[in-house]
C-alpha atoms as a PDB file:
ATOM      1  CA  MET A   1       8.200  22.072  23.019  1.00  0.00           C
ATOM      2  CA  LEU A   2       7.155  18.696  22.857  1.00  0.00           C
ATOM      3  CA  VAL A   3       4.658  17.334  19.981  1.00  0.00           C
ATOM      4  CA  LEU A   4       3.000  14.022  20.242  1.00  0.00           C
ATOM      5  CA  VAL A   5       2.052  11.781  17.394  1.00  0.00           C
ATOM      6  CA  ALA A   6       0.731   8.670  16.456  1.00  0.00           C
ATOM      7  CA  PRO A   7       1.706   6.497  13.193  1.00  0.00           C
ATOM      8  CA  GLY A   8      -0.793   5.693  10.710  1.00  0.00           C
ATOM      9  CA  GLN A   9      -1.886   2.225   9.192  1.00  0.00           C
ATOM     10  CA  GLY A  10       1.256  -0.130   7.951  1.00  0.00           C
ATOM     11  CA  ALA A  11       3.159   0.421  11.489  1.00  0.00           C
ATOM     12  CA  GLN A  12       1.761  -2.673  12.738  1.00  0.00           C
ATOM     13  CA  THR A  13       3.410  -5.932  12.921  1.00  0.00           C
ATOM     14  CA  PRO A  14       2.853  -9.032  14.444  1.00  0.00           C
ATOM     15  CA  GLY A  15       2.847  -9.248  18.395  1.00  0.00           C
ATOM     16  CA  PHE A  16       3.787  -5.761  18.676  1.00  0.00           C
ATOM     17  CA  LEU A  17       1.289  -5.356  21.553  1.00  0.00           C
ATOM     18  CA  THR A  18       2.692  -8.499  23.688  1.00  0.00           C
ATOM     19  CA  PRO A  19       4.748  -6.416  25.855  1.00  0.00           C
ATOM     20  CA  TRP A  20       2.212  -4.073  26.888  1.00  0.00           C
ATOM     21  CA  LEU A  21       0.287  -6.440  28.303  1.00  0.00           C
ATOM     22  CA  ASP A  22       2.581  -7.098  31.438  1.00  0.00           C
ATOM     23  CA  LEU A  23       1.877  -4.158  32.532  1.00  0.00           C
ATOM     24  CA  PRO A  24      -0.966  -3.351  35.233  1.00  0.00           C
ATOM     25  CA  GLY A  25      -4.242  -2.781  33.646  1.00  0.00           C
ATOM     26  CA  VAL A  26      -3.655  -2.937  30.056  1.00  0.00           C
ATOM     27  CA  GLU A  27      -4.894  -6.304  29.161  1.00  0.00           C
ATOM     28  CA  ASP A  28      -8.261  -5.247  31.017  1.00  0.00           C
ATOM     29  CA  GLN A  29      -8.360  -2.061  28.968  1.00  0.00           C
ATOM     30  CA  LEU A  30      -7.767  -3.961  25.758  1.00  0.00           C
ATOM     31  CA  ARG A  31     -10.633  -6.752  26.416  1.00  0.00           C
ATOM     32  CA  GLU A  32     -13.212  -4.256  27.516  1.00  0.00           C
ATOM     33  CA  TRP A  33     -12.642  -2.328  24.490  1.00  0.00           C
ATOM     34  CA  SER A  34     -12.547  -5.449  22.106  1.00  0.00           C
ATOM     35  CA  ALA A  35     -16.124  -6.076  23.892  1.00  0.00           C
ATOM     36  CA  VAL A  36     -17.475  -2.361  22.696  1.00  0.00           C
ATOM     37  CA  ILE A  37     -15.983  -2.992  18.968  1.00  0.00           C
ATOM     38  CA  GLY A  38     -16.438  -6.987  18.692  1.00  0.00           C
ATOM     39  CA  LEU A  39     -12.881  -7.391  17.936  1.00  0.00           C
ATOM     40  CA  ASP A  40     -10.306  -9.597  19.800  1.00  0.00           C
ATOM     41  CA  LEU A  41      -7.486  -6.884  20.409  1.00  0.00           C
ATOM     42  CA  VAL A  42      -5.129  -9.110  22.675  1.00  0.00           C
ATOM     43  CA  HIS A  43      -5.215 -11.893  20.216  1.00  0.00           C
ATOM     44  CA  TYR A  44      -4.951  -9.853  17.058  1.00  0.00           C
ATOM     45  CA  GLY A  45      -2.071  -7.686  18.627  1.00  0.00           C
ATOM     46  CA  THR A  46       0.126 -10.748  19.980  1.00  0.00           C
ATOM     47  CA  LYS A  47      -1.014 -14.008  18.152  1.00  0.00           C
ATOM     48  CA  ALA A  48      -2.215 -13.129  14.871  1.00  0.00           C
ATOM     49  CA  ASP A  49       0.621 -13.301  11.815  1.00  0.00           C
ATOM     50  CA  ALA A  50       1.330 -10.356   9.428  1.00  0.00           C
ATOM     51  CA  GLU A  51      -1.324 -11.220   6.784  1.00  0.00           C
ATOM     52  CA  GLU A  52      -4.344 -11.019   9.434  1.00  0.00           C
ATOM     53  CA  ILE A  53      -3.450  -7.443  10.690  1.00  0.00           C
ATOM     54  CA  ARG A  54      -2.981  -6.259   7.186  1.00  0.00           C
ATOM     55  CA  ASP A  55      -6.623  -6.550   7.310  1.00  0.00           C
ATOM     56  CA  THR A  56      -7.835  -2.798   7.258  1.00  0.00           C
ATOM     57  CA  ALA A  57     -10.798  -3.516   9.801  1.00  0.00           C
ATOM     58  CA  VAL A  58      -8.172  -5.040  12.326  1.00  0.00           C
ATOM     59  CA  ALA A  59      -4.906  -2.745  11.540  1.00  0.00           C
ATOM     60  CA  GLN A  60      -6.855   0.578  12.452  1.00  0.00           C
ATOM     61  CA  PRO A  61      -8.464  -0.524  15.709  1.00  0.00           C
ATOM     62  CA  LEU A  62      -5.017  -2.107  16.725  1.00  0.00           C
ATOM     63  CA  LEU A  63      -3.084   0.956  16.056  1.00  0.00           C
ATOM     64  CA  VAL A  64      -5.635   3.412  17.767  1.00  0.00           C
ATOM     65  CA  ALA A  65      -5.768   1.064  20.840  1.00  0.00           C
ATOM     66  CA  ALA A  66      -1.974   0.878  20.906  1.00  0.00           C
ATOM     67  CA  GLY A  67      -1.526   4.627  20.873  1.00  0.00           C
ATOM     68  CA  LEU A  68      -3.979   5.025  23.528  1.00  0.00           C
ATOM     69  CA  VAL A  69      -2.468   2.285  25.920  1.00  0.00           C
ATOM     70  CA  SER A  70       1.273   3.485  24.971  1.00  0.00           C
ATOM     71  CA  ALA A  71       0.186   7.072  25.676  1.00  0.00           C
ATOM     72  CA  GLY A  72      -1.914   6.301  28.761  1.00  0.00           C
ATOM     73  CA  GLN A  73       1.433   4.845  30.581  1.00  0.00           C
ATOM     74  CA  LEU A  74       2.716   8.949  30.233  1.00  0.00           C
ATOM     75  CA  PHE A  75      -0.412  11.122  30.469  1.00  0.00           C
ATOM     76  CA  ALA A  76      -3.572  10.462  32.933  1.00  0.00           C
ATOM     77  CA  GLY A  77      -6.096  11.728  30.259  1.00  0.00           C
ATOM     78  CA  PRO A  78      -6.184  14.622  27.973  1.00  0.00           C
ATOM     79  CA  GLN A  79      -6.069  17.737  31.123  1.00  0.00           C
ATOM     80  CA  ASP A  80      -2.570  15.646  31.881  1.00  0.00           C
ATOM     81  CA  LEU A  81      -0.999  16.896  28.242  1.00  0.00           C
ATOM     82  CA  VAL A  82      -2.198  20.395  28.825  1.00  0.00           C
ATOM     83  CA  GLY A  83       1.541  22.250  30.108  1.00  0.00           C
ATOM     84  CA  GLN A  84       3.569  18.988  29.040  1.00  0.00           C
ATOM     85  CA  VAL A  85       2.596  18.590  25.294  1.00  0.00           C
ATOM     86  CA  GLY A  86       2.348  21.821  22.868  1.00  0.00           C
ATOM     87  CA  ALA A  87       0.501  20.087  20.182  1.00  0.00           C
ATOM     88  CA  ALA A  88      -0.806  16.509  19.072  1.00  0.00           C
ATOM     89  CA  ALA A  89      -1.033  15.107  15.706  1.00  0.00           C
ATOM     90  CA  GLY A  90      -1.363  11.386  13.953  1.00  0.00           C
ATOM     91  CA  HIS A  91      -0.735  10.268  10.324  1.00  0.00           C
ATOM     92  CA  SER A  92      -4.058   9.242   8.756  1.00  0.00           C
ATOM     93  CA  VAL A  93      -5.783   6.857  11.319  1.00  0.00           C
ATOM     94  CA  GLY A  94      -3.436   7.942  13.961  1.00  0.00           C
ATOM     95  CA  GLU A  95      -5.724  11.011  13.775  1.00  0.00           C
ATOM     96  CA  ILE A  96      -8.386   9.340  15.936  1.00  0.00           C
ATOM     97  CA  THR A  97      -5.924   8.714  18.362  1.00  0.00           C
ATOM     98  CA  ALA A  98      -4.857  12.220  18.749  1.00  0.00           C
ATOM     99  CA  ALA A  99      -8.549  13.488  18.836  1.00  0.00           C
ATOM    100  CA  ALA A 100      -8.866  10.930  21.979  1.00  0.00           C
ATOM    101  CA  TRP A 101      -5.422  12.316  23.352  1.00  0.00           C
ATOM    102  CA  THR A 102      -6.522  15.920  22.939  1.00  0.00           C
ATOM    103  CA  GLY A 103     -10.291  15.216  24.434  1.00  0.00           C
ATOM    104  CA  VAL A 104     -12.160  15.679  21.505  1.00  0.00           C
ATOM    105  CA  LEU A 105     -13.309  12.309  21.590  1.00  0.00           C
ATOM    106  CA  ASP A 106     -13.321   9.838  24.791  1.00  0.00           C
ATOM    107  CA  ALA A 107     -11.730   6.420  24.591  1.00  0.00           C
ATOM    108  CA  ARG A 108     -14.317   4.356  23.946  1.00  0.00           C
ATOM    109  CA  THR A 109     -16.107   6.667  21.125  1.00  0.00           C
ATOM    110  CA  ALA A 110     -12.663   6.717  19.594  1.00  0.00           C
ATOM    111  CA  MET A 111     -12.385   2.925  19.334  1.00  0.00           C
ATOM    112  CA  ASP A 112     -16.139   2.722  18.225  1.00  0.00           C
ATOM    113  CA  LEU A 113     -15.345   5.031  15.138  1.00  0.00           C
ATOM    114  CA  VAL A 114     -12.245   3.606  14.155  1.00  0.00           C
ATOM    115  CA  ARG A 115     -13.377   0.134  14.136  1.00  0.00           C
ATOM    116  CA  ARG A 116     -16.381   1.661  11.711  1.00  0.00           C
ATOM    117  CA  ARG A 117     -13.767   3.368   9.548  1.00  0.00           C
ATOM    118  CA  GLY A 118     -11.692   0.399   9.171  1.00  0.00           C
ATOM    119  CA  LEU A 119     -14.637  -1.712   8.345  1.00  0.00           C
ATOM    120  CA  ALA A 120     -15.827   0.843   6.038  1.00  0.00           C
ATOM    121  CA  MET A 121     -12.630   1.358   4.205  1.00  0.00           C
ATOM    122  CA  ALA A 122     -12.237  -2.381   4.018  1.00  0.00           C
ATOM    123  CA  GLU A 123     -15.213  -2.782   2.273  1.00  0.00           C
ATOM    124  CA  ALA A 124     -14.460   0.306  -0.042  1.00  0.00           C
ATOM    125  CA  ALA A 125     -10.879  -1.555  -0.984  1.00  0.00           C
ATOM    126  CA  ALA A 126     -12.673  -4.857  -1.876  1.00  0.00           C
ATOM    127  CA  VAL A 127     -14.596  -3.064  -5.040  1.00  0.00           C
ATOM    128  CA  THR A 128     -11.261  -2.772  -7.007  1.00  0.00           C
ATOM    129  CA  GLU A 129      -7.753  -4.063  -6.590  1.00  0.00           C
ATOM    130  CA  THR A 130      -5.840  -1.205  -5.265  1.00  0.00           C
ATOM    131  CA  GLY A 131      -2.876  -0.527  -3.044  1.00  0.00           C
ATOM    132  CA  MET A 132      -0.152   2.195  -2.358  1.00  0.00           C
ATOM    133  CA  SER A 133       3.263   2.179  -3.086  1.00  0.00           C
ATOM    134  CA  ALA A 134       6.039   4.393  -1.059  1.00  0.00           C
ATOM    135  CA  VAL A 135       8.214   6.801  -3.829  1.00  0.00           C
ATOM    136  CA  LEU A 136      11.550   7.790  -2.298  1.00  0.00           C
ATOM    137  CA  GLY A 137      13.702  10.665  -3.783  1.00  0.00           C
ATOM    138  CA  GLY A 138      13.198  12.794  -6.448  1.00  0.00           C
ATOM    139  CA  GLU A 139      12.063  16.491  -6.871  1.00  0.00           C
ATOM    140  CA  GLN A 140       8.361  16.574  -5.123  1.00  0.00           C
ATOM    141  CA  ASP A 141       6.844  18.260  -7.815  1.00  0.00           C
ATOM    142  CA  ALA A 142       8.494  16.214 -10.597  1.00  0.00           C
ATOM    143  CA  VAL A 143       7.230  13.185  -8.574  1.00  0.00           C
ATOM    144  CA  VAL A 144       3.535  14.251  -8.271  1.00  0.00           C
ATOM    145  CA  ALA A 145       3.426  15.150 -11.905  1.00  0.00           C
ATOM    146  CA  HIS A 146       4.919  11.868 -12.820  1.00  0.00           C
ATOM    147  CA  LEU A 147       2.113   9.871 -10.583  1.00  0.00           C
ATOM    148  CA  GLU A 148      -0.706  11.987 -11.718  1.00  0.00           C
ATOM    149  CA  LYS A 149       0.512  11.077 -15.449  1.00  0.00           C
ATOM    150  CA  LEU A 150       0.101   7.396 -14.795  1.00  0.00           C
ATOM    151  CA  GLY A 151      -3.262   8.216 -12.971  1.00  0.00           C
ATOM    152  CA  LEU A 152      -2.071   7.662  -9.583  1.00  0.00           C
ATOM    153  CA  THR A 153      -2.656   9.643  -6.623  1.00  0.00           C
ATOM    154  CA  PRO A 154      -0.352  11.464  -4.172  1.00  0.00           C
ATOM    155  CA  ALA A 155      -2.143  10.164  -1.354  1.00  0.00           C
ATOM    156  CA  ASN A 156       0.585  10.874   1.354  1.00  0.00           C
ATOM    157  CA  ILE A 157       3.136  13.780   0.742  1.00  0.00           C
ATOM    158  CA  ASN A 158       5.065  13.070   4.062  1.00  0.00           C
ATOM    159  CA  GLY A 159       8.006  15.494   3.478  1.00  0.00           C
ATOM    160  CA  ALA A 160      11.556  14.339   3.769  1.00  0.00           C
ATOM    161  CA  GLY A 161      11.476  13.313   0.284  1.00  0.00           C
ATOM    162  CA  GLN A 162       8.849  10.877   0.546  1.00  0.00           C
ATOM    163  CA  ILE A 163       5.478  10.598  -1.279  1.00  0.00           C
ATOM    164  CA  VAL A 164       3.004   7.590  -1.094  1.00  0.00           C
ATOM    165  CA  ALA A 165       1.195   6.765  -4.432  1.00  0.00           C
ATOM    166  CA  ALA A 166      -2.285   5.099  -4.491  1.00  0.00           C
ATOM    167  CA  GLY A 167      -4.193   3.557  -7.395  1.00  0.00           C
ATOM    168  CA  THR A 168      -5.382   0.410  -9.390  1.00  0.00           C
ATOM    169  CA  ALA A 169      -3.014  -2.655  -9.359  1.00  0.00           C
ATOM    170  CA  GLU A 170      -2.418  -2.089 -12.870  1.00  0.00           C
ATOM    171  CA  GLN A 171      -1.143   1.851 -12.428  1.00  0.00           C
ATOM    172  CA  LEU A 172       1.189   0.876  -9.558  1.00  0.00           C
ATOM    173  CA  ALA A 173       2.450  -1.792 -11.617  1.00  0.00           C
ATOM    174  CA  ALA A 174       3.039   0.730 -14.430  1.00  0.00           C
ATOM    175  CA  LEU A 175       5.006   2.958 -11.619  1.00  0.00           C
ATOM    176  CA  ALA A 176       7.051  -0.070 -10.707  1.00  0.00           C
ATOM    177  CA  GLU A 177       8.425  -0.160 -14.581  1.00  0.00           C
ATOM    178  CA  ASP A 178       8.398   3.561 -15.031  1.00  0.00           C
ATOM    179  CA  ARG A 179       9.843   5.256 -11.892  1.00  0.00           C
ATOM    180  CA  PRO A 180      10.447   9.163 -11.418  1.00  0.00           C
ATOM    181  CA  GLU A 181      13.577  10.562 -11.851  1.00  0.00           C
ATOM    182  CA  LYS A 182      15.843   9.728  -8.775  1.00  0.00           C
ATOM    183  CA  ALA A 183      13.476   7.948  -7.097  1.00  0.00           C
ATOM    184  CA  ARG A 184      12.761   4.319  -5.696  1.00  0.00           C
ATOM    185  CA  VAL A 185       9.288   2.664  -5.212  1.00  0.00           C
ATOM    186  CA  ILE A 186       8.664   0.437  -2.298  1.00  0.00           C
ATOM    187  CA  PRO A 187       5.296  -1.517  -2.543  1.00  0.00           C
ATOM    188  CA  LEU A 188       3.341  -1.131   0.556  1.00  0.00           C
ATOM    189  CA  LYS A 189       1.642  -3.823   2.833  1.00  0.00           C
ATOM    190  CA  VAL A 190      -1.608  -1.969   2.850  1.00  0.00           C
ATOM    191  CA  ALA A 191      -5.500  -3.251   1.535  1.00  0.00           C
ATOM    192  CA  GLY A 192      -6.194  -0.457  -0.825  1.00  0.00           C
ATOM    193  CA  ALA A 193      -5.763   3.238  -2.197  1.00  0.00           C
ATOM    194  CA  PHE A 194      -6.670   4.888   0.869  1.00  0.00           C
ATOM    195  CA  HIS A 195      -7.056   8.707   0.726  1.00  0.00           C
ATOM    196  CA  THR A 196      -8.291   8.397  -2.544  1.00  0.00           C
ATOM    197  CA  HIS A 197     -11.695   8.848  -4.462  1.00  0.00           C
ATOM    198  CA  HIS A 198     -11.910   5.126  -4.126  1.00  0.00           C
ATOM    199  CA  MET A 199     -12.488   5.646  -0.450  1.00  0.00           C
ATOM    200  CA  ALA A 200     -15.604   7.623  -0.823  1.00  0.00           C
ATOM    201  CA  PRO A 201     -18.291   5.062   0.200  1.00  0.00           C
ATOM    202  CA  ALA A 202     -16.328   5.024   3.422  1.00  0.00           C
ATOM    203  CA  VAL A 203     -16.294   8.816   3.708  1.00  0.00           C
ATOM    204  CA  SER A 204     -20.445   8.616   3.531  1.00  0.00           C
ATOM    205  CA  VAL A 205     -20.187   6.184   6.331  1.00  0.00           C
ATOM    206  CA  LEU A 206     -18.351   8.186   8.596  1.00  0.00           C
ATOM    207  CA  GLU A 207     -20.399  11.393   7.904  1.00  0.00           C
ATOM    208  CA  GLU A 208     -23.525   9.989   8.643  1.00  0.00           C
ATOM    209  CA  MET A 209     -22.137   8.746  12.112  1.00  0.00           C
ATOM    210  CA  ALA A 210     -20.575  11.941  13.152  1.00  0.00           C
ATOM    211  CA  PRO A 211     -23.976  13.793  14.290  1.00  0.00           C
ATOM    212  CA  ALA A 212     -24.349  11.253  16.863  1.00  0.00           C
ATOM    213  CA  LEU A 213     -20.322  11.429  18.566  1.00  0.00           C
ATOM    214  CA  ASP A 214     -20.350  13.135  21.706  1.00  0.00           C
ATOM    215  CA  VAL A 215     -17.534  15.806  20.817  1.00  0.00           C
ATOM    216  CA  SER A 216     -15.500  18.299  22.751  1.00  0.00           C
ATOM    217  CA  ASP A 217     -13.380  20.998  21.623  1.00  0.00           C
ATOM    218  CA  PRO A 218      -9.521  20.103  21.928  1.00  0.00           C
ATOM    219  CA  VAL A 219      -7.778  20.817  24.945  1.00  0.00           C
ATOM    220  CA  THR A 220      -4.194  20.680  23.510  1.00  0.00           C
ATOM    221  CA  ARG A 221      -3.515  22.105  20.167  1.00  0.00           C
ATOM    222  CA  TYR A 222      -4.531  19.663  17.263  1.00  0.00           C
ATOM    223  CA  VAL A 223      -2.583  19.430  14.055  1.00  0.00           C
ATOM    224  CA  SER A 224      -4.517  18.388  11.118  1.00  0.00           C
ATOM    225  CA  ASN A 225      -3.497  16.026   8.223  1.00  0.00           C
ATOM    226  CA  ARG A 226      -5.682  18.285   5.684  1.00  0.00           C
ATOM    227  CA  ASP A 227      -3.669  21.226   5.607  1.00  0.00           C
ATOM    228  CA  GLY A 228      -1.195  21.178   8.883  1.00  0.00           C
ATOM    229  CA  GLN A 229      -3.261  23.922  10.137  1.00  0.00           C
ATOM    230  CA  VAL A 230      -4.067  23.932  14.197  1.00  0.00           C
ATOM    231  CA  VAL A 231      -7.936  23.206  14.548  1.00  0.00           C
ATOM    232  CA  THR A 232      -9.727  24.396  17.748  1.00  0.00           C
ATOM    233  CA  GLU A 233     -13.335  22.870  17.266  1.00  0.00           C
ATOM    234  CA  GLY A 234     -14.074  19.475  17.791  1.00  0.00           C
ATOM    235  CA  LYS A 235     -16.851  19.251  15.750  1.00  0.00           C
ATOM    236  CA  GLU A 236     -14.667  20.262  12.740  1.00  0.00           C
ATOM    237  CA  ILE A 237     -11.953  17.761  13.714  1.00  0.00           C
ATOM    238  CA  VAL A 238     -14.621  15.383  13.416  1.00  0.00           C
ATOM    239  CA  ARG A 239     -15.718  16.639  10.071  1.00  0.00           C
ATOM    240  CA  ARG A 240     -11.973  16.745   9.242  1.00  0.00           C
ATOM    241  CA  LEU A 241     -11.618  12.950  10.481  1.00  0.00           C
ATOM    242  CA  ALA A 242     -14.734  11.790   7.950  1.00  0.00           C
ATOM    243  CA  ALA A 243     -13.355  13.773   4.832  1.00  0.00           C
ATOM    244  CA  GLN A 244      -9.474  12.861   5.032  1.00  0.00           C
ATOM    245  CA  VAL A 245     -10.057   9.237   4.760  1.00  0.00           C
ATOM    246  CA  ALA A 246     -10.750  10.133   0.619  1.00  0.00           C
ATOM    247  CA  GLY A 247      -8.267  13.039   0.655  1.00  0.00           C
ATOM    248  CA  PRO A 248      -4.299  13.346   0.847  1.00  0.00           C
ATOM    249  CA  VAL A 249      -2.627  13.194   3.995  1.00  0.00           C
ATOM    250  CA  ARG A 250      -0.082  16.268   4.067  1.00  0.00           C
ATOM    251  CA  TRP A 251       2.073  14.870   6.767  1.00  0.00           C
ATOM    252  CA  ASP A 252       4.683  17.667   5.359  1.00  0.00           C
ATOM    253  CA  ARG A 253       2.777  20.571   6.604  1.00  0.00           C
ATOM    254  CA  CYS A 254       1.964  19.021   9.920  1.00  0.00           C
ATOM    255  CA  MET A 255       5.816  19.110  10.467  1.00  0.00           C
ATOM    256  CA  GLU A 256       6.216  22.461   8.910  1.00  0.00           C
ATOM    257  CA  THR A 257       3.324  23.718  11.541  1.00  0.00           C
ATOM    258  CA  PHE A 258       5.556  22.008  14.148  1.00  0.00           C
ATOM    259  CA  LYS A 259       8.457  24.147  13.273  1.00  0.00           C
ATOM    260  CA  GLU A 260       6.560  27.060  13.420  1.00  0.00           C
ATOM    261  CA  LEU A 261       5.181  26.488  17.029  1.00  0.00           C
ATOM    262  CA  GLY A 262       8.600  25.802  18.228  1.00  0.00           C
ATOM    263  CA  VAL A 263       9.085  22.311  18.371  1.00  0.00           C
ATOM    264  CA  THR A 264      12.069  20.784  20.340  1.00  0.00           C
ATOM    265  CA  ALA A 265      10.875  17.202  20.949  1.00  0.00           C
ATOM    266  CA  LEU A 266       8.909  14.593  19.249  1.00  0.00           C
ATOM    267  CA  LEU A 267       7.639  11.753  20.951  1.00  0.00           C
ATOM    268  CA  GLU A 268       5.761   8.720  18.577  1.00  0.00           C
ATOM    269  CA  VAL A 269       3.653   6.541  20.568  1.00  0.00           C
ATOM    270  CA  SER A 270       3.393   2.676  20.038  1.00  0.00           C
ATOM    271  CA  PRO A 271       4.219   1.417  17.356  1.00  0.00           C
ATOM    272  CA  GLY A 272       6.424   4.339  16.764  1.00  0.00           C
ATOM    273  CA  GLY A 273       9.326   4.524  14.499  1.00  0.00           C
ATOM    274  CA  THR A 274       7.720   5.770  11.027  1.00  0.00           C
ATOM    275  CA  LEU A 275       7.087   9.312  11.787  1.00  0.00           C
ATOM    276  CA  VAL A 276      10.436   9.610  14.193  1.00  0.00           C
ATOM    277  CA  GLY A 277      12.155   8.545  10.799  1.00  0.00           C
ATOM    278  CA  LEU A 278      10.497  11.793   8.859  1.00  0.00           C
ATOM    279  CA  ALA A 279      11.170  13.916  11.467  1.00  0.00           C
ATOM    280  CA  LYS A 280      14.688  13.248  11.817  1.00  0.00           C
ATOM    281  CA  ARG A 281      15.173  14.377   8.032  1.00  0.00           C
ATOM    282  CA  ALA A 282      12.734  17.069   8.262  1.00  0.00           C
ATOM    283  CA  LEU A 283      13.210  18.616  11.274  1.00  0.00           C
ATOM    284  CA  PRO A 284      16.967  18.732  12.074  1.00  0.00           C
ATOM    285  CA  GLY A 285      18.077  19.523  15.865  1.00  0.00           C
ATOM    286  CA  VAL A 286      14.723  18.382  17.185  1.00  0.00           C
ATOM    287  CA  LYS A 287      15.202  15.422  19.682  1.00  0.00           C
ATOM    288  CA  THR A 288      12.642  12.341  18.851  1.00  0.00           C
ATOM    289  CA  LEU A 289      11.949   8.956  20.635  1.00  0.00           C
ATOM    290  CA  ALA A 290      10.006   6.211  19.311  1.00  0.00           C
ATOM    291  CA  LEU A 291       7.947   4.766  22.033  1.00  0.00           C
ATOM    292  CA  LYS A 292       8.251   1.113  20.652  1.00  0.00           C
ATOM    293  CA  THR A 293       7.662  -1.089  24.134  1.00  0.00           C
ATOM    294  CA  PRO A 294       7.643  -0.565  27.786  1.00  0.00           C
ATOM    295  CA  GLU A 295      11.221  -0.476  27.818  1.00  0.00           C
ATOM    296  CA  ASN A 296      10.824   3.281  26.175  1.00  0.00           C
ATOM    297  CA  LEU A 297       8.816   4.382  28.998  1.00  0.00           C
ATOM    298  CA  ASP A 298      11.697   6.204  31.236  1.00  0.00           C
ATOM    299  CA  ALA A 299      13.144   7.779  28.600  1.00  0.00           C
ATOM    300  CA  ALA A 300       9.986   9.318  27.222  1.00  0.00           C
ATOM    301  CA  ARG A 301       9.292  10.570  30.763  1.00  0.00           C
ATOM    302  CA  GLU A 302      12.656  12.120  30.787  1.00  0.00           C
ATOM    303  CA  LEU A 303      11.867  13.486  27.270  1.00  0.00           C
ATOM    304  CA  ILE A 304       8.563  15.017  28.641  1.00  0.00           C
ATOM    305  CA  ALA A 305      10.439  16.625  31.524  1.00  0.00           C
ATOM    306  CA  GLU A 306      12.885  18.098  29.659  1.00  0.00           C
ATOM    307  CA  HIS A 307      10.803  19.544  26.980  1.00  0.00           C
ATOM    308  CA  ALA A 308       7.470  20.221  28.662  1.00  0.00           C
ATOM    309  CA  ASP A 309       6.814  24.393  28.605  1.00  0.00           C
ATOM    310  CA  GLN A 310       3.653  25.264  29.720  1.00  0.00           C
ATOM    311  CA  LYS A 311       4.012  29.031  28.146  1.00  0.00           C
ATOM    312  CA  THR A 312       3.742  26.903  24.909  1.00  0.00           C
ATOM    313  CA  VAL A 313      -0.013  25.675  25.757  1.00  0.00           C
END
């Protein structure tokens, strides 16, 4: 069974969309979405530097656009996933990408939603100087307890020995000086304490937007960050998308669900790599592929052909 996944914020790198623009129709699609959301995706995906695309309001639309464009080279639309993809999920903002793949939202609605999400989260992050750091290693319960002692939130529990701590600059500085036992701490290049109470104002923005969205039930299994559960109602998925902005990402539970469903292969769309790395450690024996550039498309098609199984959908 094949699982299709989309990465979250921090996966973007300068120029990562450049090779995709050589494919027919991609630049036109990106320019169309750019006009819809008021953000030049082509410029930011090809010419902007690391600091420019670190901006939450820029990074999030870029990532969803990349996920839709790269998956669009493999699947004609949500109905094309049926019989080929057993489950889909995204990490944090990648959940919006997954919602579009599975037919919960159309692409234009997904891009509009992620643009408003990014702007609202950027505005919330500007209130207080906050950030995030990855904690690698250590025993999970002990790491969580240590973070909470410092006033930090375990915002992403990613499994495979990785937890992302979020909080104020002062709290993160304290963590750097007082690390959990047997753990390393790596500051992340993100512009806020995402998936914490600091993002509460952004939740309100998305909750107000949700009733006007055109929403359908997913045609392929959708696995939620909230608890790793398969969610079958589109309106519930959208409700979770709003609430999740201020709630922890439980990617560890998503991977547990993939395993329970019988995953044999995991494909991560552009700019892939992060989730494949976690899967290699947490899901031994599962074949993985990161769709970084169009050069990986043939390998992706082979993976889909090998692991597609209509009986699992």
